Every structure is written in C-alpha cells, then in structure tokens.
Amino acid sequence: MSSDLLLTVEQAAERLGTTERFPRRLIAERRIAFVKIGRHVRIADSVLTAYIEGNTVQPIRRRRSRYGRAA
C-alpha cells in the first residue's frame, strides 16, 4: 500500500457510484480500512478495489435439462 493512491471520501463515493454517506458509514462501522491524516480521512485505492471484489456476487448458471419441459 506504500505507493497506493489515497482517495478522499468524495472520490471513493464517486468510484462506488454512491453518495458520500455510504463510504463514511463503511468507515464508521470499521468495514473498510482507512488512513487518518490529522483530521482528514483517506481510503487507499487498493482497499476500495478489494472491497468491490469481495462484495461482487457472481450470477448462478443454471443447467438446461437434457429432456426439456414436460408437455
């Protein structure tokens, strides 16, 4: 994380496609790692990427029946 870009809460919200309230809630609930620089809060880009990947739900692939539907 040493050369990782640090995002403001506003930038993180924009990347997530949400309002600023959502990343602030993630921070308050300690559901995401963050950096505190004085009174400023920053979120590492890699942390945000990991959060997105960890909460991505893959679609279920349904198998097609060989026999088709009953008539």
C-alpha atoms as a PDB file:
ATOM      1  CA  MET A   1       0.000   0.000   0.000  1.00  0.00           C
ATOM      2  CA  SER A   2       3.082   2.271   0.090  1.00  0.00           C
ATOM      3  CA  SER A   3       2.706   3.592  -3.477  1.00  0.00           C
ATOM      4  CA  ASP A   4      -1.074   3.292  -3.468  1.00  0.00           C
ATOM      5  CA  LEU A   5      -3.211   6.295  -4.374  1.00  0.00           C
ATOM      6  CA  LEU A   6      -5.167   7.669  -1.414  1.00  0.00           C
ATOM      7  CA  LEU A   7      -8.704   8.777  -2.245  1.00  0.00           C
ATOM      8  CA  THR A   8     -10.864  11.269  -0.418  1.00  0.00           C
ATOM      9  CA  VAL A   9     -14.272  10.161   0.799  1.00  0.00           C
ATOM     10  CA  GLU A  10     -15.796  12.106  -2.088  1.00  0.00           C
ATOM     11  CA  GLN A  11     -13.588  10.322  -4.641  1.00  0.00           C
ATOM     12  CA  ALA A  12     -14.351   6.933  -3.067  1.00  0.00           C
ATOM     13  CA  ALA A  13     -18.083   7.658  -3.241  1.00  0.00           C
ATOM     14  CA  GLU A  14     -17.762   8.637  -6.887  1.00  0.00           C
ATOM     15  CA  ARG A  15     -15.891   5.420  -7.662  1.00  0.00           C
ATOM     16  CA  LEU A  16     -18.565   3.371  -5.873  1.00  0.00           C
ATOM     17  CA  GLY A  17     -21.360   5.316  -7.550  1.00  0.00           C
ATOM     18  CA  THR A  18     -22.881   6.346  -4.232  1.00  0.00           C
ATOM     19  CA  THR A  19     -23.228   9.419  -2.072  1.00  0.00           C
ATOM     20  CA  GLU A  20     -20.511  10.344   0.442  1.00  0.00           C
ATOM     21  CA  ARG A  21     -22.668   8.929   3.202  1.00  0.00           C
ATOM     22  CA  PHE A  22     -22.001   5.300   2.190  1.00  0.00           C
ATOM     23  CA  PRO A  23     -18.175   5.322   2.430  1.00  0.00           C
ATOM     24  CA  ARG A  24     -18.443   7.353   5.637  1.00  0.00           C
ATOM     25  CA  ARG A  25     -20.698   4.622   7.058  1.00  0.00           C
ATOM     26  CA  LEU A  26     -18.202   1.936   5.985  1.00  0.00           C
ATOM     27  CA  ILE A  27     -15.504   3.863   7.849  1.00  0.00           C
ATOM     28  CA  ALA A  28     -17.637   4.433  10.962  1.00  0.00           C
ATOM     29  CA  GLU A  29     -18.574   0.735  11.122  1.00  0.00           C
ATOM     30  CA  ARG A  30     -14.911  -0.254  10.518  1.00  0.00           C
ATOM     31  CA  ARG A  31     -15.958  -2.341   7.498  1.00  0.00           C
ATOM     32  CA  ILE A  32     -13.194  -0.854   5.343  1.00  0.00           C
ATOM     33  CA  ALA A  33      -9.584   0.095   6.100  1.00  0.00           C
ATOM     34  CA  PHE A  34      -8.772   3.789   6.012  1.00  0.00           C
ATOM     35  CA  VAL A  35      -5.938   6.190   6.714  1.00  0.00           C
ATOM     36  CA  LYS A  36      -6.332   9.104   9.073  1.00  0.00           C
ATOM     37  CA  ILE A  37      -4.043  12.062   8.380  1.00  0.00           C
ATOM     38  CA  GLY A  38      -4.789  14.607  11.052  1.00  0.00           C
ATOM     39  CA  ARG A  39      -8.493  15.202  10.708  1.00  0.00           C
ATOM     40  CA  HIS A  40      -8.563  14.035   7.099  1.00  0.00           C
ATOM     41  CA  VAL A  41      -9.696  10.534   6.166  1.00  0.00           C
ATOM     42  CA  ARG A  42      -8.359   8.774   3.078  1.00  0.00           C
ATOM     43  CA  ILE A  43      -9.108   5.380   1.561  1.00  0.00           C
ATOM     44  CA  ALA A  44      -6.424   3.539  -0.385  1.00  0.00           C
ATOM     45  CA  ASP A  45      -7.382   2.680  -3.951  1.00  0.00           C
ATOM     46  CA  SER A  46      -6.341  -0.962  -3.426  1.00  0.00           C
ATOM     47  CA  VAL A  47      -8.580  -1.214  -0.345  1.00  0.00           C
ATOM     48  CA  LEU A  48     -11.525   0.073  -2.341  1.00  0.00           C
ATOM     49  CA  THR A  49     -10.772  -2.377  -5.171  1.00  0.00           C
ATOM     50  CA  ALA A  50     -10.584  -5.263  -2.677  1.00  0.00           C
ATOM     51  CA  TYR A  51     -13.888  -4.178  -1.114  1.00  0.00           C
ATOM     52  CA  ILE A  52     -15.577  -4.130  -4.529  1.00  0.00           C
ATOM     53  CA  GLU A  53     -14.152  -7.542  -5.466  1.00  0.00           C
ATOM     54  CA  GLY A  54     -15.071  -9.029  -2.091  1.00  0.00           C
ATOM     55  CA  ASN A  55     -18.676  -7.911  -2.403  1.00  0.00           C
ATOM     56  CA  THR A  56     -19.214  -8.852  -6.034  1.00  0.00           C
ATOM     57  CA  VAL A  57     -21.845 -11.551  -6.420  1.00  0.00           C
ATOM     58  CA  GLN A  58     -21.424 -13.858  -9.380  1.00  0.00           C
ATOM     59  CA  PRO A  59     -24.512 -14.972 -11.321  1.00  0.00           C
ATOM     60  CA  ILE A  60     -25.783 -18.508 -10.961  1.00  0.00           C
ATOM     61  CA  ARG A  61     -25.539 -20.501 -14.153  1.00  0.00           C
ATOM     62  CA  ARG A  62     -28.492 -22.796 -14.439  1.00  0.00           C
ATOM     63  CA  ARG A  63     -28.139 -26.044 -16.251  1.00  0.00           C
ATOM     64  CA  ARG A  64     -30.513 -26.747 -19.032  1.00  0.00           C
ATOM     65  CA  SER A  65     -32.302 -30.026 -18.773  1.00  0.00           C
ATOM     66  CA  ARG A  66     -31.441 -32.536 -21.463  1.00  0.00           C
ATOM     67  CA  TYR A  67     -35.040 -33.585 -21.673  1.00  0.00           C
ATOM     68  CA  GLY A  68     -36.700 -30.199 -21.891  1.00  0.00           C
ATOM     69  CA  ARG A  69     -40.008 -29.320 -20.301  1.00  0.00           C
ATOM     70  CA  ALA A  70     -42.810 -31.764 -19.846  1.00  0.00           C
ATOM     71  CA  ALA A  71     -45.616 -31.212 -22.282  1.00  0.00           C
END
